[in-house]
């Protein structure tokens, strides 16, 4: 729902949302085209995805903080914390992902730490924030992926990347659509706000 937000507010969200979508879809593409990933390759792909996600969340929060209509109230700190947790998750993935089991546990934990806050914020702000429904969806997908990673943790790296890559495709597509919609709505609002030439 974007009708109560200014063009500037919508535009502020559009760019970081599109960047996060791009990072997510790039990760998903790598999981598809790298058919026999080594443990090191898979570990770095996951770490880079978490880092990109964390930066995207923090950037979204920072750009939204300049617009009162985008305030999450008491949940502003939750979004910021989620971004930092994602960045810490990227470091933990490298530091503790030496074995497939260890990597799977870390990845699953990070997905939960990112997914549950987004699920909570999205469910409570889906009718008032332009990204509310998208956060609800990414939170659901991320939490589901966390469970999926644990289920395939005993198979191989390709299976772990298959689960996370599948979730990334879903989240990335919805974030891309959302970012493009925000940009379009902002442009429409700017056009409507211009005085008639007549």
Protein backbone atom coordinates (compact mmCIF):
# COMPACT_ATOMS: atom_id res chain seq x y z
CA UNK A 1 0.00 0.00 0.00
CA UNK A 2 1.69 3.19 -1.17
CA UNK A 3 -1.07 5.78 -1.46
CA UNK A 4 -0.22 7.57 1.80
CA UNK A 5 3.48 7.97 1.02
CA UNK A 6 5.16 10.77 -0.91
CA UNK A 7 7.08 10.27 -4.14
CA UNK A 8 10.33 10.99 -2.31
CA UNK A 9 9.57 8.31 0.29
CA UNK A 10 8.79 5.70 -2.36
CA UNK A 11 11.89 6.60 -4.35
CA UNK A 12 14.00 6.32 -1.20
CA UNK A 13 12.96 2.68 -0.87
CA UNK A 14 13.14 1.78 -4.55
CA UNK A 15 16.92 1.88 -5.05
CA UNK A 16 18.01 -0.26 -2.06
CA UNK A 17 15.18 -2.70 -2.79
CA UNK A 18 16.35 -3.10 -6.40
CA UNK A 19 19.96 -3.52 -5.28
CA UNK A 20 18.98 -6.19 -2.76
CA UNK A 21 16.94 -7.91 -5.47
CA UNK A 22 19.96 -7.83 -7.78
CA UNK A 23 22.26 -9.34 -5.15
CA UNK A 24 19.71 -12.04 -4.34
CA UNK A 25 19.10 -12.96 -7.97
CA UNK A 26 22.85 -12.96 -8.71
CA UNK A 27 23.34 -15.45 -5.88
CA UNK A 28 20.45 -17.56 -7.21
CA UNK A 29 21.99 -17.56 -10.69
CA UNK A 30 25.32 -18.74 -9.30
CA UNK A 31 23.64 -21.65 -7.54
CA UNK A 32 22.08 -22.67 -10.85
CA UNK A 33 25.07 -22.34 -13.14
CA UNK A 34 27.75 -23.68 -10.80
CA UNK A 35 26.73 -27.30 -11.03
CA UNK A 36 29.57 -28.84 -9.01
CA UNK A 37 30.47 -26.29 -6.34
CA UNK A 38 33.41 -26.94 -4.06
CA UNK A 39 32.97 -26.40 -0.35
CA UNK A 40 35.01 -23.20 -0.52
CA UNK A 41 33.03 -21.83 -3.45
CA UNK A 42 29.71 -22.55 -1.78
CA UNK A 43 30.85 -21.05 1.51
CA UNK A 44 31.94 -17.80 -0.13
CA UNK A 45 28.78 -17.57 -2.21
CA UNK A 46 26.64 -17.87 0.91
CA UNK A 47 28.79 -15.39 2.83
CA UNK A 48 28.62 -12.83 0.03
CA UNK A 49 24.85 -13.26 -0.21
CA UNK A 50 24.44 -12.67 3.52
CA UNK A 51 26.72 -9.63 3.35
CA UNK A 52 24.80 -8.18 0.40
CA UNK A 53 21.50 -8.84 2.15
CA UNK A 54 22.71 -7.16 5.33
CA UNK A 55 23.92 -4.09 3.47
CA UNK A 56 20.64 -3.92 1.56
CA UNK A 57 18.61 -4.06 4.79
CA UNK A 58 20.75 -1.38 6.44
CA UNK A 59 20.59 0.85 3.35
CA UNK A 60 16.81 0.49 3.23
CA UNK A 61 16.56 1.43 6.90
CA UNK A 62 18.88 4.41 6.48
CA UNK A 63 17.04 5.82 3.45
CA UNK A 64 13.67 5.26 5.04
CA UNK A 65 14.66 7.01 8.27
CA UNK A 66 14.47 10.38 6.54
CA UNK A 67 10.73 10.01 5.91
CA UNK A 68 8.28 10.02 8.79
CA UNK A 69 5.69 8.00 6.88
CA UNK A 70 8.19 5.12 6.58
CA UNK A 71 8.89 4.92 10.31
CA UNK A 72 8.44 1.49 11.85
CA UNK A 73 8.10 2.95 15.31
CA UNK A 74 9.49 0.60 17.92
CA UNK A 75 10.50 -1.83 15.17
CA UNK A 76 13.06 0.53 13.57
CA UNK A 77 15.76 -0.99 15.78
CA UNK A 78 14.68 -4.47 14.74
CA UNK A 79 15.37 -3.76 11.07
CA UNK A 80 18.77 -2.26 11.87
CA UNK A 81 19.66 -5.24 14.07
CA UNK A 82 18.63 -7.63 11.31
CA UNK A 83 21.03 -5.95 8.90
CA UNK A 84 23.91 -6.24 11.35
CA UNK A 85 23.04 -9.88 12.10
CA UNK A 86 23.20 -10.65 8.38
CA UNK A 87 26.68 -9.09 8.20
CA UNK A 88 27.80 -11.06 11.25
CA UNK A 89 26.29 -14.12 9.62
CA UNK A 90 28.53 -13.60 6.60
CA UNK A 91 31.58 -13.57 8.88
CA UNK A 92 30.34 -16.62 10.80
CA UNK A 93 29.78 -18.50 7.56
CA UNK A 94 33.46 -18.12 6.69
CA UNK A 95 34.71 -18.65 10.24
CA UNK A 96 32.65 -21.70 11.20
CA UNK A 97 31.75 -23.22 7.85
CA UNK A 98 34.74 -25.54 7.58
CA UNK A 99 32.58 -28.65 7.43
CA UNK A 100 29.29 -29.20 5.64
CA UNK A 101 27.49 -29.85 8.92
CA UNK A 102 28.92 -26.74 10.54
CA UNK A 103 28.17 -24.65 7.48
CA UNK A 104 24.60 -25.91 7.33
CA UNK A 105 24.00 -25.08 11.00
CA UNK A 106 25.42 -21.57 10.57
CA UNK A 107 23.47 -20.91 7.37
CA UNK A 108 20.25 -22.19 8.93
CA UNK A 109 20.76 -19.99 12.00
CA UNK A 110 21.52 -16.91 9.92
CA UNK A 111 18.44 -17.48 7.75
CA UNK A 112 16.29 -17.68 10.88
CA UNK A 113 17.88 -14.55 12.39
CA UNK A 114 17.13 -12.66 9.17
CA UNK A 115 13.80 -14.29 8.37
CA UNK A 116 11.96 -14.12 11.69
CA UNK A 117 12.42 -10.35 12.23
CA UNK A 118 11.37 -9.63 8.65
CA UNK A 119 8.40 -11.93 9.10
CA UNK A 120 7.41 -10.09 12.28
CA UNK A 121 7.89 -6.59 10.85
CA UNK A 122 6.13 -7.56 7.64
CA UNK A 123 3.14 -9.08 9.43
CA UNK A 124 2.66 -6.03 11.64
CA UNK A 125 3.29 -3.39 8.95
CA UNK A 126 1.93 -5.03 5.80
CA UNK A 127 -0.92 -2.56 5.52
CA UNK A 128 1.00 0.60 6.36
CA UNK A 129 4.50 0.25 4.90
CA UNK A 130 5.23 -0.07 1.16
CA UNK A 131 7.57 -3.02 1.80
CA UNK A 132 5.47 -4.69 4.50
CA UNK A 133 4.12 -7.48 2.32
CA UNK A 134 7.53 -8.07 0.74
CA UNK A 135 9.18 -8.43 4.16
CA UNK A 136 6.44 -10.86 5.14
CA UNK A 137 7.20 -12.97 2.08
CA UNK A 138 11.01 -12.82 2.37
CA UNK A 139 10.69 -13.68 6.05
CA UNK A 140 8.53 -16.71 5.30
CA UNK A 141 10.81 -17.88 2.50
CA UNK A 142 13.95 -17.38 4.58
CA UNK A 143 12.56 -19.24 7.57
CA UNK A 144 11.41 -22.08 5.32
CA UNK A 145 14.84 -22.23 3.71
CA UNK A 146 16.44 -22.52 7.16
CA UNK A 147 14.46 -25.69 7.77
CA UNK A 148 15.26 -26.96 4.28
CA UNK A 149 19.00 -26.47 4.78
CA UNK A 150 18.91 -28.61 7.92
CA UNK A 151 17.04 -31.35 6.06
CA UNK A 152 19.70 -31.57 3.32
CA UNK A 153 22.72 -30.87 5.52
CA UNK A 154 23.91 -34.46 5.26
CA UNK A 155 23.88 -34.60 1.45
CA UNK A 156 26.34 -32.20 -0.19
CA UNK A 157 27.08 -28.55 -0.94
CA UNK A 158 25.01 -28.67 -4.11
CA UNK A 159 21.93 -29.57 -2.05
CA UNK A 160 22.52 -26.72 0.41
CA UNK A 161 22.95 -24.25 -2.45
CA UNK A 162 19.88 -25.71 -4.15
CA UNK A 163 17.68 -24.92 -1.15
CA UNK A 164 19.12 -21.46 -0.54
CA UNK A 165 19.20 -20.66 -4.25
CA UNK A 166 15.56 -21.67 -4.64
CA UNK A 167 14.55 -19.38 -1.81
CA UNK A 168 16.66 -16.60 -3.32
CA UNK A 169 14.86 -16.88 -6.64
CA UNK A 170 11.48 -16.42 -4.96
CA UNK A 171 12.62 -13.55 -2.75
CA UNK A 172 14.62 -11.89 -5.51
CA UNK A 173 11.76 -11.87 -7.99
CA UNK A 174 9.33 -10.36 -5.48
CA UNK A 175 11.88 -7.75 -4.37
CA UNK A 176 12.54 -6.87 -8.01
CA UNK A 177 8.84 -6.42 -8.71
CA UNK A 178 8.48 -4.36 -5.54
CA UNK A 179 11.42 -2.11 -6.40
CA UNK A 180 10.14 -1.48 -9.90
CA UNK A 181 6.63 -0.80 -8.57
CA UNK A 182 7.97 1.68 -6.03
CA UNK A 183 9.92 3.50 -8.73
CA UNK A 184 6.88 3.57 -11.03
CA UNK A 185 4.56 4.82 -8.28
CA UNK A 186 7.07 7.51 -7.32
CA UNK A 187 7.25 8.70 -10.91
CA UNK A 188 3.45 8.73 -11.20
CA UNK A 189 3.19 10.79 -8.02
CA UNK A 190 5.74 13.27 -9.27
CA UNK A 191 3.81 13.69 -12.53
CA UNK A 192 0.53 14.16 -10.64
CA UNK A 193 2.10 16.75 -8.36
CA UNK A 194 3.24 18.98 -11.24
CA UNK A 195 1.04 22.00 -11.87
CA UNK A 196 -0.92 21.95 -15.12
CA UNK A 197 0.90 23.69 -17.97
CA UNK A 198 -2.32 25.38 -18.86
